[in-house]
């Protein structure tokens, strides 16, 4: 049988095992919570600058900073990466025409 078939078959069997509660324990990685206001201060940006640079709405950023809401999912992952290496994120998000310059 083809490699593609075997891959699909393996995936379906794993899905059945999981549905039946027989799947091996998966390791779950949970990003740690971020103090968004402290992170923004660390990178020396205003709310507007931080939101524009990293693709968040200013309103969402304000909610996070006030504690009305907490970042979750991909936003929380991105904030963890920004905290670890903001320049890597800035470089990755740079417009192609700016990156070539």
PDB file of N, CA and C in Angstrom:
ATOM      1  N   UNK A   1       0.838  -1.186   0.000  1.00  0.00           N
ATOM      2  CA  UNK A   1       0.000   0.000   0.000  1.00  0.00           C
ATOM      3  C   UNK A   1       0.879   1.244   0.000  1.00  0.00           C
ATOM      4  N   UNK A   2       0.300   2.354  -0.378  1.00  0.00           N
ATOM      5  CA  UNK A   2       1.073   3.587  -0.502  1.00  0.00           C
ATOM      6  C   UNK A   2       1.408   4.181   0.868  1.00  0.00           C
ATOM      7  N   UNK A   3       2.412   5.004   0.870  1.00  0.00           N
ATOM      8  CA  UNK A   3       2.809   5.701   2.100  1.00  0.00           C
ATOM      9  C   UNK A   3       1.682   6.596   2.590  1.00  0.00           C
ATOM     10  N   UNK A   4       1.006   7.268   1.672  1.00  0.00           N
ATOM     11  CA  UNK A   4      -0.104   8.150   2.043  1.00  0.00           C
ATOM     12  C   UNK A   4      -1.212   7.344   2.713  1.00  0.00           C
ATOM     13  N   UNK A   5      -1.544   6.177   2.149  1.00  0.00           N
ATOM     14  CA  UNK A   5      -2.584   5.337   2.735  1.00  0.00           C
ATOM     15  C   UNK A   5      -2.195   4.910   4.142  1.00  0.00           C
ATOM     16  N   UNK A   6      -0.952   4.461   4.308  1.00  0.00           N
ATOM     17  CA  UNK A   6      -0.495   4.014   5.623  1.00  0.00           C
ATOM     18  C   UNK A   6      -0.532   5.147   6.642  1.00  0.00           C
ATOM     19  N   UNK A   7      -0.194   6.342   6.225  1.00  0.00           N
ATOM     20  CA  UNK A   7      -0.230   7.500   7.124  1.00  0.00           C
ATOM     21  C   UNK A   7      -1.666   7.817   7.550  1.00  0.00           C
ATOM     22  N   UNK A   8      -2.572   7.789   6.584  1.00  0.00           N
ATOM     23  CA  UNK A   8      -3.990   8.050   6.888  1.00  0.00           C
ATOM     24  C   UNK A   8      -4.544   6.958   7.794  1.00  0.00           C
ATOM     25  N   UNK A   9      -4.222   5.711   7.496  1.00  0.00           N
ATOM     26  CA  UNK A   9      -4.688   4.586   8.308  1.00  0.00           C
ATOM     27  C   UNK A   9      -4.193   4.719   9.745  1.00  0.00           C
ATOM     28  N   UNK A  10      -2.902   5.033   9.909  1.00  0.00           N
ATOM     29  CA  UNK A  10      -2.325   5.202  11.245  1.00  0.00           C
ATOM     30  C   UNK A  10      -3.035   6.324  11.998  1.00  0.00           C
ATOM     31  N   UNK A  11      -3.307   7.437  11.320  1.00  0.00           N
ATOM     32  CA  UNK A  11      -4.005   8.562  11.943  1.00  0.00           C
ATOM     33  C   UNK A  11      -5.414   8.188  12.377  1.00  0.00           C
ATOM     34  N   UNK A  12      -6.119   7.436  11.538  1.00  0.00           N
ATOM     35  CA  UNK A  12      -7.476   7.015  11.886  1.00  0.00           C
ATOM     36  C   UNK A  12      -7.478   6.048  13.074  1.00  0.00           C
ATOM     37  N   UNK A  13      -6.527   5.126  13.098  1.00  0.00           N
ATOM     38  CA  UNK A  13      -6.436   4.193  14.223  1.00  0.00           C
ATOM     39  C   UNK A  13      -6.119   4.936  15.528  1.00  0.00           C
ATOM     40  N   UNK A  14      -5.242   5.925  15.453  1.00  0.00           N
ATOM     41  CA  UNK A  14      -4.937   6.733  16.642  1.00  0.00           C
ATOM     42  C   UNK A  14      -6.174   7.502  17.098  1.00  0.00           C
ATOM     43  N   UNK A  15      -6.951   8.017  16.157  1.00  0.00           N
ATOM     44  CA  UNK A  15      -8.175   8.752  16.502  1.00  0.00           C
ATOM     45  C   UNK A  15      -9.179   7.836  17.191  1.00  0.00           C
ATOM     46  N   UNK A  16      -9.294   6.599  16.702  1.00  0.00           N
ATOM     47  CA  UNK A  16     -10.209   5.631  17.325  1.00  0.00           C
ATOM     48  C   UNK A  16      -9.736   5.312  18.746  1.00  0.00           C
ATOM     49  N   UNK A  17      -8.444   5.079  18.914  1.00  0.00           N
ATOM     50  CA  UNK A  17      -7.906   4.797  20.251  1.00  0.00           C
ATOM     51  C   UNK A  17      -8.183   5.958  21.199  1.00  0.00           C
ATOM     52  N   UNK A  18      -7.989   7.145  20.709  1.00  0.00           N
ATOM     53  CA  UNK A  18      -8.223   8.333  21.539  1.00  0.00           C
ATOM     54  C   UNK A  18      -9.705   8.429  21.926  1.00  0.00           C
ATOM     55  N   UNK A  19     -10.578   8.209  20.968  1.00  0.00           N
ATOM     56  CA  UNK A  19     -12.016   8.292  21.232  1.00  0.00           C
ATOM     57  C   UNK A  19     -12.460   7.241  22.245  1.00  0.00           C
ATOM     58  N   UNK A  20     -11.798   6.115  22.232  1.00  0.00           N
ATOM     59  CA  UNK A  20     -12.136   5.039  23.171  1.00  0.00           C
ATOM     60  C   UNK A  20     -11.397   5.172  24.495  1.00  0.00           C
ATOM     61  N   UNK A  21     -10.588   6.211  24.633  1.00  0.00           N
ATOM     62  CA  UNK A  21      -9.852   6.425  25.872  1.00  0.00           C
ATOM     63  C   UNK A  21      -8.628   5.539  26.017  1.00  0.00           C
ATOM     64  N   UNK A  22      -8.165   4.960  24.921  1.00  0.00           N
ATOM     65  CA  UNK A  22      -7.008   4.071  24.970  1.00  0.00           C
ATOM     66  C   UNK A  22      -5.730   4.721  24.456  1.00  0.00           C
ATOM     67  N   UNK A  23      -5.794   5.968  24.101  1.00  0.00           N
ATOM     68  CA  UNK A  23      -4.623   6.623  23.522  1.00  0.00           C
ATOM     69  C   UNK A  23      -3.537   6.805  24.568  1.00  0.00           C
ATOM     70  N   UNK A  24      -2.279   6.682  24.165  1.00  0.00           N
ATOM     71  CA  UNK A  24      -1.204   6.944  25.116  1.00  0.00           C
ATOM     72  C   UNK A  24      -1.253   8.402  25.558  1.00  0.00           C
ATOM     73  N   UNK A  25      -0.759   8.662  26.737  1.00  0.00           N
ATOM     74  CA  UNK A  25      -0.786  10.017  27.260  1.00  0.00           C
ATOM     75  C   UNK A  25       0.053  10.940  26.375  1.00  0.00           C
ATOM     76  N   UNK A  26      -0.545  12.001  25.962  1.00  0.00           N
ATOM     77  CA  UNK A  26       0.148  12.999  25.163  1.00  0.00           C
ATOM     78  C   UNK A  26       0.720  14.056  26.088  1.00  0.00           C
ATOM     79  N   UNK A  27       1.830  14.593  25.707  1.00  0.00           N
ATOM     80  CA  UNK A  27       2.427  15.676  26.478  1.00  0.00           C
ATOM     81  C   UNK A  27       1.805  16.975  25.996  1.00  0.00           C
ATOM     82  N   UNK A  28       1.221  17.708  26.914  1.00  0.00           N
ATOM     83  CA  UNK A  28       0.554  18.959  26.564  1.00  0.00           C
ATOM     84  C   UNK A  28       1.429  20.118  27.029  1.00  0.00           C
ATOM     85  N   UNK A  29       1.723  21.016  26.106  1.00  0.00           N
ATOM     86  CA  UNK A  29       2.516  22.197  26.421  1.00  0.00           C
ATOM     87  C   UNK A  29       1.566  23.373  26.585  1.00  0.00           C
ATOM     88  N   UNK A  30       1.594  23.984  27.736  1.00  0.00           N
ATOM     89  CA  UNK A  30       0.762  25.147  27.981  1.00  0.00           C
ATOM     90  C   UNK A  30       1.667  26.363  28.145  1.00  0.00           C
ATOM     91  N   UNK A  31       1.474  27.369  27.299  1.00  0.00           N
ATOM     92  CA  UNK A  31       2.285  28.579  27.467  1.00  0.00           C
ATOM     93  C   UNK A  31       1.982  29.214  28.816  1.00  0.00           C
ATOM     94  N   UNK A  32       2.993  29.765  29.424  1.00  0.00           N
ATOM     95  CA  UNK A  32       2.777  30.373  30.737  1.00  0.00           C
ATOM     96  C   UNK A  32       2.085  31.718  30.576  1.00  0.00           C
ATOM     97  N   UNK A  33       1.322  32.100  31.592  1.00  0.00           N
ATOM     98  CA  UNK A  33       0.638  33.400  31.538  1.00  0.00           C
ATOM     99  C   UNK A  33       1.647  34.542  31.409  1.00  0.00           C
ATOM    100  N   UNK A  34       1.225  35.619  30.791  1.00  0.00           N
ATOM    101  CA  UNK A  34       2.093  36.767  30.545  1.00  0.00           C
ATOM    102  C   UNK A  34       1.488  38.014  31.167  1.00  0.00           C
ATOM    103  N   UNK A  35       2.323  38.807  31.809  1.00  0.00           N
ATOM    104  CA  UNK A  35       1.922  40.142  32.262  1.00  0.00           C
ATOM    105  C   UNK A  35       2.137  41.060  31.062  1.00  0.00           C
ATOM    106  N   UNK A  36       1.080  41.297  30.323  1.00  0.00           N
ATOM    107  CA  UNK A  36       1.179  42.013  29.047  1.00  0.00           C
ATOM    108  C   UNK A  36       1.680  43.436  29.242  1.00  0.00           C
ATOM    109  N   UNK A  37       1.217  44.105  30.276  1.00  0.00           N
ATOM    110  CA  UNK A  37       1.654  45.478  30.523  1.00  0.00           C
ATOM    111  C   UNK A  37       3.153  45.533  30.806  1.00  0.00           C
ATOM    112  N   UNK A  38       3.647  44.600  31.604  1.00  0.00           N
ATOM    113  CA  UNK A  38       5.081  44.547  31.912  1.00  0.00           C
ATOM    114  C   UNK A  38       5.889  44.217  30.656  1.00  0.00           C
ATOM    115  N   UNK A  39       5.358  43.316  29.822  1.00  0.00           N
ATOM    116  CA  UNK A  39       6.037  42.972  28.582  1.00  0.00           C
ATOM    117  C   UNK A  39       6.125  44.174  27.664  1.00  0.00           C
ATOM    118  N   UNK A  40       5.030  44.911  27.549  1.00  0.00           N
ATOM    119  CA  UNK A  40       5.031  46.101  26.682  1.00  0.00           C
ATOM    120  C   UNK A  40       6.026  47.132  27.190  1.00  0.00           C
ATOM    121  N   UNK A  41       6.088  47.305  28.508  1.00  0.00           N
ATOM    122  CA  UNK A  41       7.055  48.247  29.089  1.00  0.00           C
ATOM    123  C   UNK A  41       8.488  47.779  28.825  1.00  0.00           C
ATOM    124  N   UNK A  42       8.703  46.467  28.882  1.00  0.00           N
ATOM    125  CA  UNK A  42      10.036  45.887  28.662  1.00  0.00           C
ATOM    126  C   UNK A  42      10.553  46.201  27.259  1.00  0.00           C
ATOM    127  N   UNK A  43       9.643  46.232  26.282  1.00  0.00           N
ATOM    128  CA  UNK A  43      10.066  46.516  24.902  1.00  0.00           C
ATOM    129  C   UNK A  43       9.934  48.000  24.554  1.00  0.00           C
ATOM    130  N   UNK A  44       9.577  48.805  25.560  1.00  0.00           N
ATOM    131  CA  UNK A  44       9.540  50.270  25.418  1.00  0.00           C
ATOM    132  C   UNK A  44       8.625  50.729  24.287  1.00  0.00           C
ATOM    133  N   UNK A  45       7.380  50.241  24.322  1.00  0.00           N
ATOM    134  CA  UNK A  45       6.409  50.633  23.301  1.00  0.00           C
ATOM    135  C   UNK A  45       5.136  51.131  23.965  1.00  0.00           C
ATOM    136  N   UNK A  46       4.468  52.049  23.277  1.00  0.00           N
ATOM    137  CA  UNK A  46       3.140  52.468  23.724  1.00  0.00           C
ATOM    138  C   UNK A  46       2.159  51.353  23.369  1.00  0.00           C
ATOM    139  N   UNK A  47       0.954  51.457  23.871  1.00  0.00           N
ATOM    140  CA  UNK A  47      -0.063  50.470  23.519  1.00  0.00           C
ATOM    141  C   UNK A  47      -0.284  50.432  22.006  1.00  0.00           C
ATOM    142  N   UNK A  48      -0.345  51.607  21.414  1.00  0.00           N
ATOM    143  CA  UNK A  48      -0.597  51.681  19.975  1.00  0.00           C
ATOM    144  C   UNK A  48       0.552  51.057  19.189  1.00  0.00           C
ATOM    145  N   UNK A  49       1.784  51.337  19.594  1.00  0.00           N
ATOM    146  CA  UNK A  49       2.948  50.776  18.905  1.00  0.00           C
ATOM    147  C   UNK A  49       2.987  49.251  19.035  1.00  0.00           C
ATOM    148  N   UNK A  50       2.784  48.766  20.259  1.00  0.00           N
ATOM    149  CA  UNK A  50       2.833  47.330  20.523  1.00  0.00           C
ATOM    150  C   UNK A  50       1.750  46.611  19.722  1.00  0.00           C
ATOM    151  N   UNK A  51       0.535  47.133  19.765  1.00  0.00           N
ATOM    152  CA  UNK A  51      -0.579  46.514  19.047  1.00  0.00           C
ATOM    153  C   UNK A  51      -0.303  46.482  17.542  1.00  0.00           C
ATOM    154  N   UNK A  52       0.153  47.586  16.992  1.00  0.00           N
ATOM    155  CA  UNK A  52       0.417  47.656  15.553  1.00  0.00           C
ATOM    156  C   UNK A  52       1.585  46.749  15.157  1.00  0.00           C
ATOM    157  N   UNK A  53       2.629  46.742  15.961  1.00  0.00           N
ATOM    158  CA  UNK A  53       3.832  45.968  15.625  1.00  0.00           C
ATOM    159  C   UNK A  53       3.568  44.467  15.614  1.00  0.00           C
ATOM    160  N   UNK A  54       2.746  44.002  16.585  1.00  0.00           N
ATOM    161  CA  UNK A  54       2.566  42.568  16.738  1.00  0.00           C
ATOM    162  C   UNK A  54       1.201  42.046  16.290  1.00  0.00           C
ATOM    163  N   UNK A  55       0.355  42.932  15.738  1.00  0.00           N
ATOM    164  CA  UNK A  55      -0.891  42.486  15.123  1.00  0.00           C
ATOM    165  C   UNK A  55      -2.068  42.290  16.059  1.00  0.00           C
ATOM    166  N   UNK A  56      -2.056  42.986  17.189  1.00  0.00           N
ATOM    167  CA  UNK A  56      -3.194  42.932  18.108  1.00  0.00           C
ATOM    168  C   UNK A  56      -4.002  44.212  17.937  1.00  0.00           C
ATOM    169  N   UNK A  57      -5.265  44.162  18.284  1.00  0.00           N
ATOM    170  CA  UNK A  57      -6.026  45.410  18.295  1.00  0.00           C
ATOM    171  C   UNK A  57      -5.687  46.138  19.600  1.00  0.00           C
ATOM    172  N   UNK A  58      -5.725  47.454  19.544  1.00  0.00           N
ATOM    173  CA  UNK A  58      -5.436  48.250  20.741  1.00  0.00           C
ATOM    174  C   UNK A  58      -6.461  47.946  21.833  1.00  0.00           C
ATOM    175  N   UNK A  59      -7.709  47.754  21.446  1.00  0.00           N
ATOM    176  CA  UNK A  59      -8.758  47.448  22.430  1.00  0.00           C
ATOM    177  C   UNK A  59      -8.466  46.130  23.142  1.00  0.00           C
ATOM    178  N   UNK A  60      -8.052  45.124  22.399  1.00  0.00           N
ATOM    179  CA  UNK A  60      -7.716  43.834  23.011  1.00  0.00           C
ATOM    180  C   UNK A  60      -6.543  43.983  23.964  1.00  0.00           C
ATOM    181  N   UNK A  61      -5.541  44.714  23.535  1.00  0.00           N
ATOM    182  CA  UNK A  61      -4.372  44.947  24.385  1.00  0.00           C
ATOM    183  C   UNK A  61      -4.781  45.634  25.684  1.00  0.00           C
ATOM    184  N   UNK A  62      -5.656  46.607  25.599  1.00  0.00           N
ATOM    185  CA  UNK A  62      -6.125  47.303  26.807  1.00  0.00           C
ATOM    186  C   UNK A  62      -6.863  46.348  27.749  1.00  0.00           C
ATOM    187  N   UNK A  63      -7.688  45.480  27.192  1.00  0.00           N
ATOM    188  CA  UNK A  63      -8.400  44.501  28.015  1.00  0.00           C
ATOM    189  C   UNK A  63      -7.411  43.584  28.735  1.00  0.00           C
ATOM    190  N   UNK A  64      -6.382  43.147  28.030  1.00  0.00           N
ATOM    191  CA  UNK A  64      -5.380  42.280  28.650  1.00  0.00           C
ATOM    192  C   UNK A  64      -4.665  43.013  29.780  1.00  0.00           C
ATOM    193  N   UNK A  65      -4.293  44.256  29.523  1.00  0.00           N
ATOM    194  CA  UNK A  65      -3.542  45.012  30.520  1.00  0.00           C
ATOM    195  C   UNK A  65      -4.379  45.335  31.750  1.00  0.00           C
ATOM    196  N   UNK A  66      -5.662  45.571  31.567  1.00  0.00           N
ATOM    197  CA  UNK A  66      -6.550  45.846  32.705  1.00  0.00           C
ATOM    198  C   UNK A  66      -6.923  44.580  33.456  1.00  0.00           C
ATOM    199  N   UNK A  67      -6.742  43.442  32.828  1.00  0.00           N
ATOM    200  CA  UNK A  67      -7.114  42.189  33.455  1.00  0.00           C
ATOM    201  C   UNK A  67      -8.551  41.778  33.197  1.00  0.00           C
ATOM    202  N   UNK A  68      -9.240  42.505  32.305  1.00  0.00           N
ATOM    203  CA  UNK A  68     -10.614  42.147  31.943  1.00  0.00           C
ATOM    204  C   UNK A  68     -10.639  40.799  31.222  1.00  0.00           C
ATOM    205  N   UNK A  69      -9.604  40.567  30.454  1.00  0.00           N
ATOM    206  CA  UNK A  69      -9.459  39.328  29.683  1.00  0.00           C
ATOM    207  C   UNK A  69      -8.009  38.875  29.790  1.00  0.00           C
ATOM    208  N   UNK A  70      -7.801  37.611  29.467  1.00  0.00           N
ATOM    209  CA  UNK A  70      -6.435  37.070  29.442  1.00  0.00           C
ATOM    210  C   UNK A  70      -6.162  36.536  28.040  1.00  0.00           C
ATOM    211  N   UNK A  71      -4.966  36.773  27.538  1.00  0.00           N
ATOM    212  CA  UNK A  71      -4.637  36.226  26.222  1.00  0.00           C
ATOM    213  C   UNK A  71      -4.667  34.701  26.268  1.00  0.00           C
ATOM    214  N   UNK A  72      -5.153  34.098  25.197  1.00  0.00           N
ATOM    215  CA  UNK A  72      -5.239  32.643  25.129  1.00  0.00           C
ATOM    216  C   UNK A  72      -4.829  32.170  23.745  1.00  0.00           C
ATOM    217  N   UNK A  73      -4.611  30.896  23.625  1.00  0.00           N
ATOM    218  CA  UNK A  73      -4.313  30.268  22.340  1.00  0.00           C
ATOM    219  C   UNK A  73      -3.111  30.872  21.654  1.00  0.00           C
ATOM    220  N   UNK A  74      -3.215  31.087  20.338  1.00  0.00           N
ATOM    221  CA  UNK A  74      -2.083  31.598  19.573  1.00  0.00           C
ATOM    222  C   UNK A  74      -1.566  32.945  20.075  1.00  0.00           C
ATOM    223  N   UNK A  75      -2.450  33.799  20.580  1.00  0.00           N
ATOM    224  CA  UNK A  75      -2.009  35.099  21.101  1.00  0.00           C
ATOM    225  C   UNK A  75      -1.086  34.908  22.297  1.00  0.00           C
ATOM    226  N   UNK A  76      -1.412  33.968  23.168  1.00  0.00           N
ATOM    227  CA  UNK A  76      -0.574  33.702  24.335  1.00  0.00           C
ATOM    228  C   UNK A  76       0.772  33.120  23.922  1.00  0.00           C
ATOM    229  N   UNK A  77       0.755  32.260  22.931  1.00  0.00           N
ATOM    230  CA  UNK A  77       2.010  31.711  22.413  1.00  0.00           C
ATOM    231  C   UNK A  77       2.867  32.845  21.847  1.00  0.00           C
ATOM    232  N   UNK A  78       2.263  33.701  21.041  1.00  0.00           N
ATOM    233  CA  UNK A  78       3.004  34.817  20.451  1.00  0.00           C
ATOM    234  C   UNK A  78       3.571  35.728  21.535  1.00  0.00           C
ATOM    235  N   UNK A  79       2.795  36.033  22.550  1.00  0.00           N
ATOM    236  CA  UNK A  79       3.285  36.883  23.637  1.00  0.00           C
ATOM    237  C   UNK A  79       4.459  36.234  24.367  1.00  0.00           C
ATOM    238  N   UNK A  80       4.443  34.918  24.538  1.00  0.00           N
ATOM    239  CA  UNK A  80       5.570  34.225  25.155  1.00  0.00           C
ATOM    240  C   UNK A  80       6.817  34.339  24.287  1.00  0.00           C
ATOM    241  N   UNK A  81       6.647  34.232  22.982  1.00  0.00           N
ATOM    242  CA  UNK A  81       7.794  34.375  22.078  1.00  0.00           C
ATOM    243  C   UNK A  81       8.307  35.813  22.112  1.00  0.00           C
ATOM    244  N   UNK A  82       7.404  36.782  22.116  1.00  0.00           N
ATOM    245  CA  UNK A  82       7.803  38.191  22.189  1.00  0.00           C
ATOM    246  C   UNK A  82       8.598  38.429  23.462  1.00  0.00           C
ATOM    247  N   UNK A  83       8.138  37.864  24.574  1.00  0.00           N
ATOM    248  CA  UNK A  83       8.853  38.049  25.833  1.00  0.00           C
ATOM    249  C   UNK A  83      10.252  37.446  25.765  1.00  0.00           C
ATOM    250  N   UNK A  84      10.374  36.307  25.104  1.00  0.00           N
ATOM    251  CA  UNK A  84      11.672  35.632  25.011  1.00  0.00           C
ATOM    252  C   UNK A  84      12.610  36.318  24.020  1.00  0.00           C
ATOM    253  N   UNK A  85      12.075  36.709  22.847  1.00  0.00           N
ATOM    254  CA  UNK A  85      12.919  37.300  21.812  1.00  0.00           C
ATOM    255  C   UNK A  85      12.095  38.222  20.917  1.00  0.00           C
ATOM    256  N   UNK A  86      11.843  39.448  21.377  1.00  0.00           N
ATOM    257  CA  UNK A  86      10.996  40.357  20.585  1.00  0.00           C
ATOM    258  C   UNK A  86      11.554  40.652  19.203  1.00  0.00           C
ATOM    259  N   UNK A  87      12.863  40.736  19.074  1.00  0.00           N
ATOM    260  CA  UNK A  87      13.441  41.058  17.760  1.00  0.00           C
ATOM    261  C   UNK A  87      13.196  39.956  16.742  1.00  0.00           C
ATOM    262  N   UNK A  88      13.161  38.706  17.183  1.00  0.00           N
ATOM    263  CA  UNK A  88      12.872  37.606  16.255  1.00  0.00           C
ATOM    264  C   UNK A  88      11.465  37.754  15.688  1.00  0.00           C
ATOM    265  N   UNK A  89      10.517  38.152  16.525  1.00  0.00           N
ATOM    266  CA  UNK A  89       9.140  38.330  16.067  1.00  0.00           C
ATOM    267  C   UNK A  89       9.054  39.548  15.147  1.00  0.00           C
ATOM    268  N   UNK A  90       9.719  40.616  15.530  1.00  0.00           N
ATOM    269  CA  UNK A  90       9.719  41.821  14.691  1.00  0.00           C
ATOM    270  C   UNK A  90      10.291  41.502  13.323  1.00  0.00           C
ATOM    271  N   UNK A  91      11.411  40.764  13.286  1.00  0.00           N
ATOM    272  CA  UNK A  91      12.023  40.383  12.008  1.00  0.00           C
ATOM    273  C   UNK A  91      11.076  39.485  11.192  1.00  0.00           C
ATOM    274  N   UNK A  92      10.431  38.538  11.863  1.00  0.00           N
ATOM    275  CA  UNK A  92       9.551  37.609  11.160  1.00  0.00           C
ATOM    276  C   UNK A  92       8.331  38.314  10.586  1.00  0.00           C
ATOM    277  N   UNK A  93       7.871  39.349  11.260  1.00  0.00           N
ATOM    278  CA  UNK A  93       6.676  40.050  10.801  1.00  0.00           C
ATOM    279  C   UNK A  93       6.982  41.227   9.877  1.00  0.00           C
ATOM    280  N   UNK A  94       8.268  41.502   9.646  1.00  0.00           N
ATOM    281  CA  UNK A  94       8.643  42.635   8.792  1.00  0.00           C
ATOM    282  C   UNK A  94       8.111  42.427   7.381  1.00  0.00           C
ATOM    283  N   UNK A  95       7.687  43.509   6.788  1.00  0.00           N
ATOM    284  CA  UNK A  95       7.196  43.463   5.413  1.00  0.00           C
ATOM    285  C   UNK A  95       8.343  43.006   4.500  1.00  0.00           C
ATOM    286  N   UNK A  96       8.049  42.191   3.483  1.00  0.00           N
ATOM    287  CA  UNK A  96       9.098  41.673   2.599  1.00  0.00           C
ATOM    288  C   UNK A  96       9.970  42.774   1.990  1.00  0.00           C
ATOM    289  N   UNK A  97       9.345  43.887   1.635  1.00  0.00           N
ATOM    290  CA  UNK A  97      10.142  44.960   1.011  1.00  0.00           C
ATOM    291  C   UNK A  97      11.085  45.607   2.017  1.00  0.00           C
ATOM    292  N   UNK A  98      10.724  45.603   3.293  1.00  0.00           N
ATOM    293  CA  UNK A  98      11.605  46.155   4.328  1.00  0.00           C
ATOM    294  C   UNK A  98      12.697  45.164   4.699  1.00  0.00           C
ATOM    295  N   UNK A  99      12.381  43.881   4.664  1.00  0.00           N
ATOM    296  CA  UNK A  99      13.351  42.846   5.030  1.00  0.00           C
ATOM    297  C   UNK A  99      14.500  42.786   4.036  1.00  0.00           C
ATOM    298  N   UNK A 100      14.222  43.094   2.766  1.00  0.00           N
ATOM    299  CA  UNK A 100      15.257  43.031   1.735  1.00  0.00           C
ATOM    300  C   UNK A 100      16.196  44.218   1.812  1.00  0.00           C
ATOM    301  N   UNK A 101      15.765  45.299   2.450  1.00  0.00           N
ATOM    302  CA  UNK A 101      16.584  46.511   2.499  1.00  0.00           C
ATOM    303  C   UNK A 101      17.733  46.394   3.488  1.00  0.00           C
TER     304      UNK A 101
END
